[in-house]
PDB file of all heavy atoms in Angstrom:
ATOM      1  N   ASN A   1      -4.739 -70.252 -66.429  1.00  0.00           N
ATOM      2  CA  ASN A   1      -3.546 -70.718 -65.693  1.00  0.00           C
ATOM      3  C   ASN A   1      -3.226 -69.575 -64.696  1.00  0.00           C
ATOM      4  O   ASN A   1      -3.081 -68.463 -65.075  1.00  0.00           O
ATOM      5  CB  ASN A   1      -2.402 -70.996 -66.636  1.00  0.00           C
ATOM      6  CG  ASN A   1      -2.756 -72.134 -67.636  1.00  0.00           C
ATOM      7  OD1 ASN A   1      -2.557 -73.301 -67.284  1.00  0.00           O
ATOM      8  ND2 ASN A   1      -3.267 -71.734 -68.824  1.00  0.00           N
ATOM      9  N   TYR A   2      -2.957 -70.004 -63.434  1.00  0.00           N
ATOM     10  CA  TYR A   2      -2.637 -69.088 -62.384  1.00  0.00           C
ATOM     11  C   TYR A   2      -1.506 -69.540 -61.506  1.00  0.00           C
ATOM     12  O   TYR A   2      -1.510 -70.688 -61.146  1.00  0.00           O
ATOM     13  CB  TYR A   2      -3.842 -68.690 -61.569  1.00  0.00           C
ATOM     14  CG  TYR A   2      -3.622 -67.594 -60.561  1.00  0.00           C
ATOM     15  CD1 TYR A   2      -3.662 -66.201 -60.963  1.00  0.00           C
ATOM     16  CD2 TYR A   2      -3.401 -67.872 -59.199  1.00  0.00           C
ATOM     17  CE1 TYR A   2      -3.458 -65.259 -60.050  1.00  0.00           C
ATOM     18  CE2 TYR A   2      -3.187 -66.844 -58.295  1.00  0.00           C
ATOM     19  CZ  TYR A   2      -3.190 -65.519 -58.735  1.00  0.00           C
ATOM     20  OH  TYR A   2      -2.940 -64.468 -57.829  1.00  0.00           O
ATOM     21  N   SER A   3      -0.652 -68.614 -61.122  1.00  0.00           N
ATOM     22  CA  SER A   3       0.337 -68.948 -60.132  1.00  0.00           C
ATOM     23  C   SER A   3       0.515 -67.802 -59.178  1.00  0.00           C
ATOM     24  O   SER A   3       0.300 -66.638 -59.550  1.00  0.00           O
ATOM     25  CB  SER A   3       1.741 -69.213 -60.799  1.00  0.00           C
ATOM     26  OG  SER A   3       2.222 -68.029 -61.469  1.00  0.00           O
ATOM     27  N   PHE A   4       0.783 -68.144 -57.945  1.00  0.00           N
ATOM     28  CA  PHE A   4       1.079 -67.119 -56.874  1.00  0.00           C
ATOM     29  C   PHE A   4       2.433 -66.498 -57.251  1.00  0.00           C
ATOM     30  O   PHE A   4       3.339 -67.237 -57.719  1.00  0.00           O
ATOM     31  CB  PHE A   4       0.965 -67.679 -55.475  1.00  0.00           C
ATOM     32  CG  PHE A   4      -0.393 -68.241 -55.164  1.00  0.00           C
ATOM     33  CD1 PHE A   4      -0.588 -69.659 -55.008  1.00  0.00           C
ATOM     34  CD2 PHE A   4      -1.444 -67.381 -54.949  1.00  0.00           C
ATOM     35  CE1 PHE A   4      -1.850 -70.068 -54.731  1.00  0.00           C
ATOM     36  CE2 PHE A   4      -2.709 -67.927 -54.627  1.00  0.00           C
ATOM     37  CZ  PHE A   4      -2.935 -69.279 -54.510  1.00  0.00           C
ATOM     38  N   SER A   5       2.597 -65.241 -56.890  1.00  0.00           N
ATOM     39  CA  SER A   5       3.918 -64.582 -57.161  1.00  0.00           C
ATOM     40  C   SER A   5       5.002 -65.238 -56.260  1.00  0.00           C
ATOM     41  O   SER A   5       4.764 -65.726 -55.221  1.00  0.00           O
ATOM     42  CB  SER A   5       3.833 -63.063 -56.843  1.00  0.00           C
ATOM     43  OG  SER A   5       3.666 -62.848 -55.418  1.00  0.00           O
ATOM     44  N   ASP A   6       6.227 -65.091 -56.749  1.00  0.00           N
ATOM     45  CA  ASP A   6       7.357 -65.640 -56.014  1.00  0.00           C
ATOM     46  C   ASP A   6       7.513 -64.919 -54.708  1.00  0.00           C
ATOM     47  O   ASP A   6       7.830 -65.507 -53.594  1.00  0.00           O
ATOM     48  CB  ASP A   6       8.673 -65.448 -56.813  1.00  0.00           C
ATOM     49  CG  ASP A   6       8.745 -66.378 -57.927  1.00  0.00           C
ATOM     50  OD1 ASP A   6       8.111 -67.433 -57.972  1.00  0.00           O
ATOM     51  OD2 ASP A   6       9.497 -66.065 -58.915  1.00  0.00           O
ATOM     52  N   GLU A   7       7.185 -63.618 -54.620  1.00  0.00           N
ATOM     53  CA  GLU A   7       7.218 -62.855 -53.416  1.00  0.00           C
ATOM     54  C   GLU A   7       6.255 -63.402 -52.361  1.00  0.00           C
ATOM     55  O   GLU A   7       6.637 -63.527 -51.193  1.00  0.00           O
ATOM     56  CB  GLU A   7       6.879 -61.369 -53.637  1.00  0.00           C
ATOM     57  CG  GLU A   7       7.916 -60.659 -54.538  1.00  0.00           C
ATOM     58  CD  GLU A   7       7.646 -60.740 -55.993  1.00  0.00           C
ATOM     59  OE1 GLU A   7       6.800 -61.535 -56.459  1.00  0.00           O
ATOM     60  OE2 GLU A   7       8.298 -60.054 -56.777  1.00  0.00           O
ATOM     61  N   LEU A   8       5.060 -63.716 -52.821  1.00  0.00           N
ATOM     62  CA  LEU A   8       4.066 -64.297 -51.872  1.00  0.00           C
ATOM     63  C   LEU A   8       4.534 -65.664 -51.399  1.00  0.00           C
ATOM     64  O   LEU A   8       4.464 -65.982 -50.183  1.00  0.00           O
ATOM     65  CB  LEU A   8       2.688 -64.396 -52.558  1.00  0.00           C
ATOM     66  CG  LEU A   8       1.597 -65.123 -51.724  1.00  0.00           C
ATOM     67  CD1 LEU A   8       1.356 -64.460 -50.383  1.00  0.00           C
ATOM     68  CD2 LEU A   8       0.291 -65.180 -52.494  1.00  0.00           C
ATOM     69  N   LEU A   9       4.993 -66.481 -52.265  1.00  0.00           N
ATOM     70  CA  LEU A   9       5.399 -67.869 -51.874  1.00  0.00           C
ATOM     71  C   LEU A   9       6.610 -67.826 -50.979  1.00  0.00           C
ATOM     72  O   LEU A   9       6.723 -68.566 -49.942  1.00  0.00           O
ATOM     73  CB  LEU A   9       5.648 -68.729 -53.106  1.00  0.00           C
ATOM     74  CG  LEU A   9       4.503 -69.067 -53.982  1.00  0.00           C
ATOM     75  CD1 LEU A   9       4.935 -69.615 -55.314  1.00  0.00           C
ATOM     76  CD2 LEU A   9       3.606 -70.095 -53.246  1.00  0.00           C
ATOM     77  N   GLN A  10       7.505 -66.884 -51.252  1.00  0.00           N
ATOM     78  CA  GLN A  10       8.661 -66.744 -50.399  1.00  0.00           C
ATOM     79  C   GLN A  10       8.293 -66.274 -49.059  1.00  0.00           C
ATOM     80  O   GLN A  10       8.800 -66.782 -47.950  1.00  0.00           O
ATOM     81  CB  GLN A  10       9.733 -65.888 -51.013  1.00  0.00           C
ATOM     82  CG  GLN A  10      10.448 -66.445 -52.155  1.00  0.00           C
ATOM     83  CD  GLN A  10      11.487 -67.466 -51.790  1.00  0.00           C
ATOM     84  OE1 GLN A  10      11.704 -67.718 -50.605  1.00  0.00           O
ATOM     85  NE2 GLN A  10      12.059 -68.189 -52.815  1.00  0.00           N
ATOM     86  N   ALA A  11       7.402 -65.307 -48.974  1.00  0.00           N
ATOM     87  CA  ALA A  11       6.891 -64.838 -47.675  1.00  0.00           C
ATOM     88  C   ALA A  11       6.169 -65.870 -46.870  1.00  0.00           C
ATOM     89  O   ALA A  11       6.350 -66.021 -45.700  1.00  0.00           O
ATOM     90  CB  ALA A  11       5.992 -63.600 -47.918  1.00  0.00           C
ATOM     91  N   GLY A  12       5.349 -66.684 -47.583  1.00  0.00           N
ATOM     92  CA  GLY A  12       4.684 -67.780 -46.930  1.00  0.00           C
ATOM     93  C   GLY A  12       5.636 -68.828 -46.429  1.00  0.00           C
ATOM     94  O   GLY A  12       5.440 -69.354 -45.340  1.00  0.00           O
ATOM     95  N   PHE A  13       6.629 -69.098 -47.246  1.00  0.00           N
ATOM     96  CA  PHE A  13       7.632 -70.091 -46.833  1.00  0.00           C
ATOM     97  C   PHE A  13       8.454 -69.653 -45.598  1.00  0.00           C
ATOM     98  O   PHE A  13       8.616 -70.418 -44.647  1.00  0.00           O
ATOM     99  CB  PHE A  13       8.613 -70.300 -48.041  1.00  0.00           C
ATOM    100  CG  PHE A  13       9.797 -71.242 -47.698  1.00  0.00           C
ATOM    101  CD1 PHE A  13       9.622 -72.520 -47.277  1.00  0.00           C
ATOM    102  CD2 PHE A  13      11.099 -70.697 -47.740  1.00  0.00           C
ATOM    103  CE1 PHE A  13      10.737 -73.339 -46.955  1.00  0.00           C
ATOM    104  CE2 PHE A  13      12.158 -71.523 -47.431  1.00  0.00           C
ATOM    105  CZ  PHE A  13      12.026 -72.837 -47.019  1.00  0.00           C
ATOM    106  N   GLN A  14       8.828 -68.420 -45.637  1.00  0.00           N
ATOM    107  CA  GLN A  14       9.597 -67.877 -44.485  1.00  0.00           C
ATOM    108  C   GLN A  14       8.865 -67.853 -43.142  1.00  0.00           C
ATOM    109  O   GLN A  14       9.411 -68.050 -42.074  1.00  0.00           O
ATOM    110  CB  GLN A  14      10.089 -66.424 -44.781  1.00  0.00           C
ATOM    111  CG  GLN A  14      11.030 -66.289 -45.943  1.00  0.00           C
ATOM    112  CD  GLN A  14      12.354 -67.064 -45.715  1.00  0.00           C
ATOM    113  OE1 GLN A  14      12.801 -67.238 -44.540  1.00  0.00           O
ATOM    114  NE2 GLN A  14      12.950 -67.550 -46.755  1.00  0.00           N
ATOM    115  N   SER A  15       7.529 -67.880 -43.236  1.00  0.00           N
ATOM    116  CA  SER A  15       6.662 -67.807 -42.004  1.00  0.00           C
ATOM    117  C   SER A  15       6.129 -69.166 -41.750  1.00  0.00           C
ATOM    118  O   SER A  15       5.332 -69.327 -40.799  1.00  0.00           O
ATOM    119  CB  SER A  15       5.537 -66.777 -42.190  1.00  0.00           C
ATOM    120  OG  SER A  15       4.668 -67.171 -43.234  1.00  0.00           O
ATOM    121  N   SER A  16       6.595 -70.178 -42.470  1.00  0.00           N
ATOM    122  CA  SER A  16       6.061 -71.567 -42.286  1.00  0.00           C
ATOM    123  C   SER A  16       7.074 -72.342 -41.515  1.00  0.00           C
ATOM    124  O   SER A  16       8.208 -71.930 -41.200  1.00  0.00           O
ATOM    125  CB  SER A  16       5.779 -72.240 -43.604  1.00  0.00           C
ATOM    126  OG  SER A  16       6.980 -72.649 -44.248  1.00  0.00           O
ATOM    127  N   ALA A  17       6.681 -73.608 -41.164  1.00  0.00           N
ATOM    128  CA  ALA A  17       7.606 -74.499 -40.465  1.00  0.00           C
ATOM    129  C   ALA A  17       8.390 -75.371 -41.459  1.00  0.00           C
ATOM    130  O   ALA A  17       9.188 -76.270 -41.058  1.00  0.00           O
ATOM    131  CB  ALA A  17       6.852 -75.401 -39.479  1.00  0.00           C
ATOM    132  N   GLU A  18       8.214 -75.147 -42.725  1.00  0.00           N
ATOM    133  CA  GLU A  18       8.877 -75.949 -43.761  1.00  0.00           C
ATOM    134  C   GLU A  18      10.385 -75.602 -43.875  1.00  0.00           C
ATOM    135  O   GLU A  18      10.786 -74.424 -43.753  1.00  0.00           O
ATOM    136  CB  GLU A  18       8.181 -75.780 -45.125  1.00  0.00           C
ATOM    137  CG  GLU A  18       6.813 -76.347 -45.171  1.00  0.00           C
ATOM    138  CD  GLU A  18       6.829 -77.865 -45.358  1.00  0.00           C
ATOM    139  OE1 GLU A  18       7.910 -78.466 -45.504  1.00  0.00           O
ATOM    140  OE2 GLU A  18       5.684 -78.377 -45.444  1.00  0.00           O
ATOM    141  N   SER A  19      11.149 -76.585 -44.222  1.00  0.00           N
ATOM    142  CA  SER A  19      12.604 -76.353 -44.374  1.00  0.00           C
ATOM    143  C   SER A  19      13.054 -76.447 -45.868  1.00  0.00           C
ATOM    144  O   SER A  19      14.169 -76.103 -46.169  1.00  0.00           O
ATOM    145  CB  SER A  19      13.409 -77.347 -43.540  1.00  0.00           C
ATOM    146  OG  SER A  19      13.115 -78.711 -43.934  1.00  0.00           O
ATOM    147  N   ASP A  20      12.135 -76.860 -46.696  1.00  0.00           N
ATOM    148  CA  ASP A  20      12.435 -77.018 -48.091  1.00  0.00           C
ATOM    149  C   ASP A  20      11.386 -76.274 -48.973  1.00  0.00           C
ATOM    150  O   ASP A  20      10.210 -76.567 -48.891  1.00  0.00           O
ATOM    151  CB  ASP A  20      12.371 -78.546 -48.503  1.00  0.00           C
ATOM    152  CG  ASP A  20      12.815 -78.807 -49.895  1.00  0.00           C
ATOM    153  OD1 ASP A  20      12.184 -78.227 -50.894  1.00  0.00           O
ATOM    154  OD2 ASP A  20      13.729 -79.584 -50.097  1.00  0.00           O
ATOM    155  N   TYR A  21      11.881 -75.211 -49.626  1.00  0.00           N
ATOM    156  CA  TYR A  21      11.031 -74.360 -50.383  1.00  0.00           C
ATOM    157  C   TYR A  21      10.232 -75.060 -51.481  1.00  0.00           C
ATOM    158  O   TYR A  21       9.000 -74.891 -51.733  1.00  0.00           O
ATOM    159  CB  TYR A  21      11.793 -73.232 -51.037  1.00  0.00           C
ATOM    160  CG  TYR A  21      10.920 -72.308 -51.912  1.00  0.00           C
ATOM    161  CD1 TYR A  21       9.937 -71.452 -51.334  1.00  0.00           C
ATOM    162  CD2 TYR A  21      11.086 -72.251 -53.274  1.00  0.00           C
ATOM    163  CE1 TYR A  21       9.205 -70.669 -52.070  1.00  0.00           C
ATOM    164  CE2 TYR A  21      10.350 -71.410 -54.001  1.00  0.00           C
ATOM    165  CZ  TYR A  21       9.389 -70.619 -53.468  1.00  0.00           C
ATOM    166  OH  TYR A  21       8.649 -69.796 -54.266  1.00  0.00           O
ATOM    167  N   ARG A  22      10.889 -76.048 -52.210  1.00  0.00           N
ATOM    168  CA  ARG A  22      10.222 -76.790 -53.243  1.00  0.00           C
ATOM    169  C   ARG A  22       9.047 -77.595 -52.698  1.00  0.00           C
ATOM    170  O   ARG A  22       7.968 -77.630 -53.233  1.00  0.00           O
ATOM    171  CB  ARG A  22      11.234 -77.693 -53.916  1.00  0.00           C
ATOM    172  CG  ARG A  22      10.716 -78.904 -54.617  1.00  0.00           C
ATOM    173  CD  ARG A  22      10.017 -78.660 -55.879  1.00  0.00           C
ATOM    174  NE  ARG A  22       9.357 -79.908 -56.337  1.00  0.00           N
ATOM    175  CZ  ARG A  22       9.959 -80.805 -57.054  1.00  0.00           C
ATOM    176  NH1 ARG A  22      11.280 -80.693 -57.437  1.00  0.00           N
ATOM    177  NH2 ARG A  22       9.272 -81.902 -57.515  1.00  0.00           N
ATOM    178  N   ILE A  23       9.288 -78.249 -51.583  1.00  0.00           N
ATOM    179  CA  ILE A  23       8.154 -79.021 -50.917  1.00  0.00           C
ATOM    180  C   ILE A  23       7.071 -78.130 -50.515  1.00  0.00           C
ATOM    181  O   ILE A  23       5.859 -78.382 -50.625  1.00  0.00           O
ATOM    182  CB  ILE A  23       8.782 -79.880 -49.755  1.00  0.00           C
ATOM    183  CG1 ILE A  23       9.634 -81.015 -50.299  1.00  0.00           C
ATOM    184  CG2 ILE A  23       7.566 -80.563 -48.997  1.00  0.00           C
ATOM    185  CD1 ILE A  23      10.319 -81.746 -49.228  1.00  0.00           C
ATOM    186  N   TYR A  24       7.440 -76.970 -49.880  1.00  0.00           N
ATOM    187  CA  TYR A  24       6.490 -76.067 -49.443  1.00  0.00           C
ATOM    188  C   TYR A  24       5.556 -75.597 -50.602  1.00  0.00           C
ATOM    189  O   TYR A  24       4.311 -75.558 -50.547  1.00  0.00           O
ATOM    190  CB  TYR A  24       7.101 -74.787 -48.817  1.00  0.00           C
ATOM    191  CG  TYR A  24       6.125 -73.651 -48.571  1.00  0.00           C
ATOM    192  CD1 TYR A  24       5.246 -73.655 -47.487  1.00  0.00           C
ATOM    193  CD2 TYR A  24       6.072 -72.587 -49.456  1.00  0.00           C
ATOM    194  CE1 TYR A  24       4.419 -72.686 -47.298  1.00  0.00           C
ATOM    195  CE2 TYR A  24       5.179 -71.529 -49.241  1.00  0.00           C
ATOM    196  CZ  TYR A  24       4.295 -71.599 -48.140  1.00  0.00           C
ATOM    197  OH  TYR A  24       3.408 -70.516 -48.011  1.00  0.00           O
ATOM    198  N   LYS A  25       6.235 -75.200 -51.710  1.00  0.00           N
ATOM    199  CA  LYS A  25       5.460 -74.734 -52.872  1.00  0.00           C
ATOM    200  C   LYS A  25       4.547 -75.816 -53.474  1.00  0.00           C
ATOM    201  O   LYS A  25       3.415 -75.574 -53.843  1.00  0.00           O
ATOM    202  CB  LYS A  25       6.500 -74.265 -53.946  1.00  0.00           C
ATOM    203  CG  LYS A  25       5.800 -73.685 -55.220  1.00  0.00           C
ATOM    204  CD  LYS A  25       6.913 -73.214 -56.184  1.00  0.00           C
ATOM    205  CE  LYS A  25       6.269 -72.651 -57.449  1.00  0.00           C
ATOM    206  NZ  LYS A  25       7.389 -72.271 -58.444  1.00  0.00           N
ATOM    207  N   ASP A  26       4.982 -77.001 -53.522  1.00  0.00           N
ATOM    208  CA  ASP A  26       4.173 -78.106 -54.032  1.00  0.00           C
ATOM    209  C   ASP A  26       2.994 -78.294 -53.083  1.00  0.00           C
ATOM    210  O   ASP A  26       1.840 -78.490 -53.589  1.00  0.00           O
ATOM    211  CB  ASP A  26       4.957 -79.384 -54.073  1.00  0.00           C
ATOM    212  CG  ASP A  26       5.977 -79.420 -55.221  1.00  0.00           C
ATOM    213  OD1 ASP A  26       5.885 -78.613 -56.122  1.00  0.00           O
ATOM    214  OD2 ASP A  26       6.846 -80.327 -55.175  1.00  0.00           O
ATOM    215  N   ARG A  27       3.173 -78.208 -51.830  1.00  0.00           N
ATOM    216  CA  ARG A  27       2.039 -78.317 -50.900  1.00  0.00           C
ATOM    217  C   ARG A  27       1.030 -77.214 -50.989  1.00  0.00           C
ATOM    218  O   ARG A  27      -0.194 -77.438 -50.774  1.00  0.00           O
ATOM    219  CB  ARG A  27       2.602 -78.468 -49.497  1.00  0.00           C
ATOM    220  CG  ARG A  27       3.226 -79.714 -49.148  1.00  0.00           C
ATOM    221  CD  ARG A  27       3.753 -79.926 -47.838  1.00  0.00           C
ATOM    222  NE  ARG A  27       4.326 -81.218 -47.569  1.00  0.00           N
ATOM    223  CZ  ARG A  27       4.960 -81.570 -46.418  1.00  0.00           C
ATOM    224  NH1 ARG A  27       5.216 -80.634 -45.417  1.00  0.00           N
ATOM    225  NH2 ARG A  27       5.510 -82.822 -46.228  1.00  0.00           N
ATOM    226  N   VAL A  28       1.501 -75.988 -51.221  1.00  0.00           N
ATOM    227  CA  VAL A  28       0.572 -74.884 -51.501  1.00  0.00           C
ATOM    228  C   VAL A  28      -0.406 -75.214 -52.629  1.00  0.00           C
ATOM    229  O   VAL A  28      -1.645 -75.100 -52.452  1.00  0.00           O
ATOM    230  CB  VAL A  28       1.360 -73.613 -51.864  1.00  0.00           C
ATOM    231  CG1 VAL A  28       0.438 -72.539 -52.494  1.00  0.00           C
ATOM    232  CG2 VAL A  28       2.018 -73.054 -50.607  1.00  0.00           C
ATOM    233  N   TYR A  29       0.139 -75.690 -53.726  1.00  0.00           N
ATOM    234  CA  TYR A  29      -0.795 -76.013 -54.843  1.00  0.00           C
ATOM    235  C   TYR A  29      -1.552 -77.269 -54.674  1.00  0.00           C
ATOM    236  O   TYR A  29      -2.623 -77.369 -55.183  1.00  0.00           O
ATOM    237  CB  TYR A  29       0.120 -76.063 -56.130  1.00  0.00           C
ATOM    238  CG  TYR A  29       0.573 -74.716 -56.611  1.00  0.00           C
ATOM    239  CD1 TYR A  29       1.913 -74.353 -56.471  1.00  0.00           C
ATOM    240  CD2 TYR A  29      -0.322 -73.788 -57.132  1.00  0.00           C
ATOM    241  CE1 TYR A  29       2.261 -73.034 -56.946  1.00  0.00           C
ATOM    242  CE2 TYR A  29       0.087 -72.512 -57.529  1.00  0.00           C
ATOM    243  CZ  TYR A  29       1.371 -72.150 -57.422  1.00  0.00           C
ATOM    244  OH  TYR A  29       1.770 -70.913 -57.819  1.00  0.00           O
ATOM    245  N   LEU A  30      -1.052 -78.239 -53.949  1.00  0.00           N
ATOM    246  CA  LEU A  30      -1.841 -79.414 -53.663  1.00  0.00           C
ATOM    247  C   LEU A  30      -3.059 -79.030 -52.822  1.00  0.00           C
ATOM    248  O   LEU A  30      -4.151 -79.571 -52.953  1.00  0.00           O
ATOM    249  CB  LEU A  30      -0.967 -80.442 -52.938  1.00  0.00           C
ATOM    250  CG  LEU A  30       0.014 -81.245 -53.812  1.00  0.00           C
ATOM    251  CD1 LEU A  30       1.071 -81.882 -52.951  1.00  0.00           C
ATOM    252  CD2 LEU A  30      -0.752 -82.230 -54.741  1.00  0.00           C
ATOM    253  N   LYS A  31      -2.823 -78.154 -51.811  1.00  0.00           N
ATOM    254  CA  LYS A  31      -3.922 -77.633 -50.995  1.00  0.00           C
ATOM    255  C   LYS A  31      -4.947 -76.929 -51.879  1.00  0.00           C
ATOM    256  O   LYS A  31      -6.178 -77.123 -51.785  1.00  0.00           O
ATOM    257  CB  LYS A  31      -3.497 -76.715 -49.845  1.00  0.00           C
ATOM    258  CG  LYS A  31      -4.647 -76.133 -49.058  1.00  0.00           C
ATOM    259  CD  LYS A  31      -4.168 -75.084 -48.062  1.00  0.00           C
ATOM    260  CE  LYS A  31      -5.403 -74.405 -47.491  1.00  0.00           C
ATOM    261  NZ  LYS A  31      -4.952 -73.316 -46.519  1.00  0.00           N
ATOM    262  N   LEU A  32      -4.432 -76.099 -52.782  1.00  0.00           N
ATOM    263  CA  LEU A  32      -5.367 -75.360 -53.665  1.00  0.00           C
ATOM    264  C   LEU A  32      -6.132 -76.323 -54.534  1.00  0.00           C
ATOM    265  O   LEU A  32      -7.301 -76.065 -54.831  1.00  0.00           O
ATOM    266  CB  LEU A  32      -4.564 -74.347 -54.518  1.00  0.00           C
ATOM    267  CG  LEU A  32      -5.342 -73.481 -55.464  1.00  0.00           C
ATOM    268  CD1 LEU A  32      -6.347 -72.640 -54.671  1.00  0.00           C
ATOM    269  CD2 LEU A  32      -4.393 -72.577 -56.215  1.00  0.00           C
ATOM    270  N   ALA A  33      -5.501 -77.280 -55.086  1.00  0.00           N
ATOM    271  CA  ALA A  33      -6.199 -78.228 -55.931  1.00  0.00           C
ATOM    272  C   ALA A  33      -7.314 -79.045 -55.135  1.00  0.00           C
ATOM    273  O   ALA A  33      -8.259 -79.190 -55.678  1.00  0.00           O
ATOM    274  CB  ALA A  33      -5.232 -79.214 -56.523  1.00  0.00           C
ATOM    275  N   SER A  34      -6.961 -79.340 -53.903  1.00  0.00           N
ATOM    276  CA  SER A  34      -7.848 -80.082 -53.084  1.00  0.00           C
ATOM    277  C   SER A  34      -9.151 -79.161 -52.763  1.00  0.00           C
ATOM    278  O   SER A  34     -10.300 -79.594 -52.930  1.00  0.00           O
ATOM    279  CB  SER A  34      -7.262 -80.511 -51.799  1.00  0.00           C
ATOM    280  OG  SER A  34      -8.170 -81.172 -50.891  1.00  0.00           O
ATOM    281  N   ASN A  35      -8.873 -77.937 -52.442  1.00  0.00           N
ATOM    282  CA  ASN A  35      -9.962 -77.018 -52.125  1.00  0.00           C
ATOM    283  C   ASN A  35     -10.752 -76.666 -53.422  1.00  0.00           C
ATOM    284  O   ASN A  35     -12.014 -76.449 -53.313  1.00  0.00           O
ATOM    285  CB  ASN A  35      -9.417 -75.758 -51.468  1.00  0.00           C
ATOM    286  CG  ASN A  35      -9.061 -75.999 -49.999  1.00  0.00           C
ATOM    287  OD1 ASN A  35      -9.161 -77.112 -49.521  1.00  0.00           O
ATOM    288  ND2 ASN A  35      -8.645 -74.898 -49.294  1.00  0.00           N
ATOM    289  N   LEU A  36     -10.106 -76.625 -54.575  1.00  0.00           N
ATOM    290  CA  LEU A  36     -10.811 -76.354 -55.770  1.00  0.00           C
ATOM    291  C   LEU A  36     -11.703 -77.574 -56.163  1.00  0.00           C
ATOM    292  O   LEU A  36     -12.741 -77.364 -56.790  1.00  0.00           O
ATOM    293  CB  LEU A  36      -9.818 -76.106 -56.988  1.00  0.00           C
ATOM    294  CG  LEU A  36      -9.456 -74.664 -57.127  1.00  0.00           C
ATOM    295  CD1 LEU A  36      -8.347 -74.546 -58.117  1.00  0.00           C
ATOM    296  CD2 LEU A  36     -10.602 -73.815 -57.609  1.00  0.00           C
ATOM    297  N   ALA A  37     -11.260 -78.810 -55.787  1.00  0.00           N
ATOM    298  CA  ALA A  37     -12.164 -79.967 -56.038  1.00  0.00           C
ATOM    299  C   ALA A  37     -13.490 -79.763 -55.291  1.00  0.00           C
ATOM    300  O   ALA A  37     -14.510 -80.239 -55.765  1.00  0.00           O
ATOM    301  CB  ALA A  37     -11.411 -81.206 -55.536  1.00  0.00           C
ATOM    302  N   ALA A  38     -13.387 -79.076 -54.148  1.00  0.00           N
ATOM    303  CA  ALA A  38     -14.604 -78.825 -53.354  1.00  0.00           C
ATOM    304  C   ALA A  38     -15.369 -77.645 -53.808  1.00  0.00           C
ATOM    305  O   ALA A  38     -16.580 -77.607 -53.648  1.00  0.00           O
ATOM    306  CB  ALA A  38     -14.209 -78.746 -51.870  1.00  0.00           C
ATOM    307  N   TYR A  39     -14.728 -76.615 -54.344  1.00  0.00           N
ATOM    308  CA  TYR A  39     -15.370 -75.317 -54.605  1.00  0.00           C
ATOM    309  C   TYR A  39     -15.225 -74.882 -56.084  1.00  0.00           C
ATOM    310  O   TYR A  39     -15.853 -73.851 -56.490  1.00  0.00           O
ATOM    311  CB  TYR A  39     -14.755 -74.187 -53.716  1.00  0.00           C
ATOM    312  CG  TYR A  39     -15.177 -74.292 -52.256  1.00  0.00           C
ATOM    313  CD1 TYR A  39     -14.336 -74.845 -51.316  1.00  0.00           C
ATOM    314  CD2 TYR A  39     -16.406 -73.745 -51.865  1.00  0.00           C
ATOM    315  CE1 TYR A  39     -14.672 -74.878 -50.004  1.00  0.00           C
ATOM    316  CE2 TYR A  39     -16.765 -73.803 -50.474  1.00  0.00           C
ATOM    317  CZ  TYR A  39     -15.877 -74.375 -49.623  1.00  0.00           C
ATOM    318  OH  TYR A  39     -16.259 -74.385 -48.241  1.00  0.00           O
ATOM    319  N   GLY A  40     -14.472 -75.587 -56.884  1.00  0.00           N
ATOM    320  CA  GLY A  40     -14.224 -75.098 -58.266  1.00  0.00           C
ATOM    321  C   GLY A  40     -15.427 -75.052 -59.180  1.00  0.00           C
ATOM    322  O   GLY A  40     -15.456 -74.410 -60.196  1.00  0.00           O
TER     323      GLY A  40
END
């Protein structure tokens, strides 16, 4: 089980175009899951 640190997620959120942190975080992991389906 792995999670990115809050510091990384917050830094990523601040530099993104997202306005909702919860939605941003969910999208981070959805992208990761999609890419893992291809490379896992």
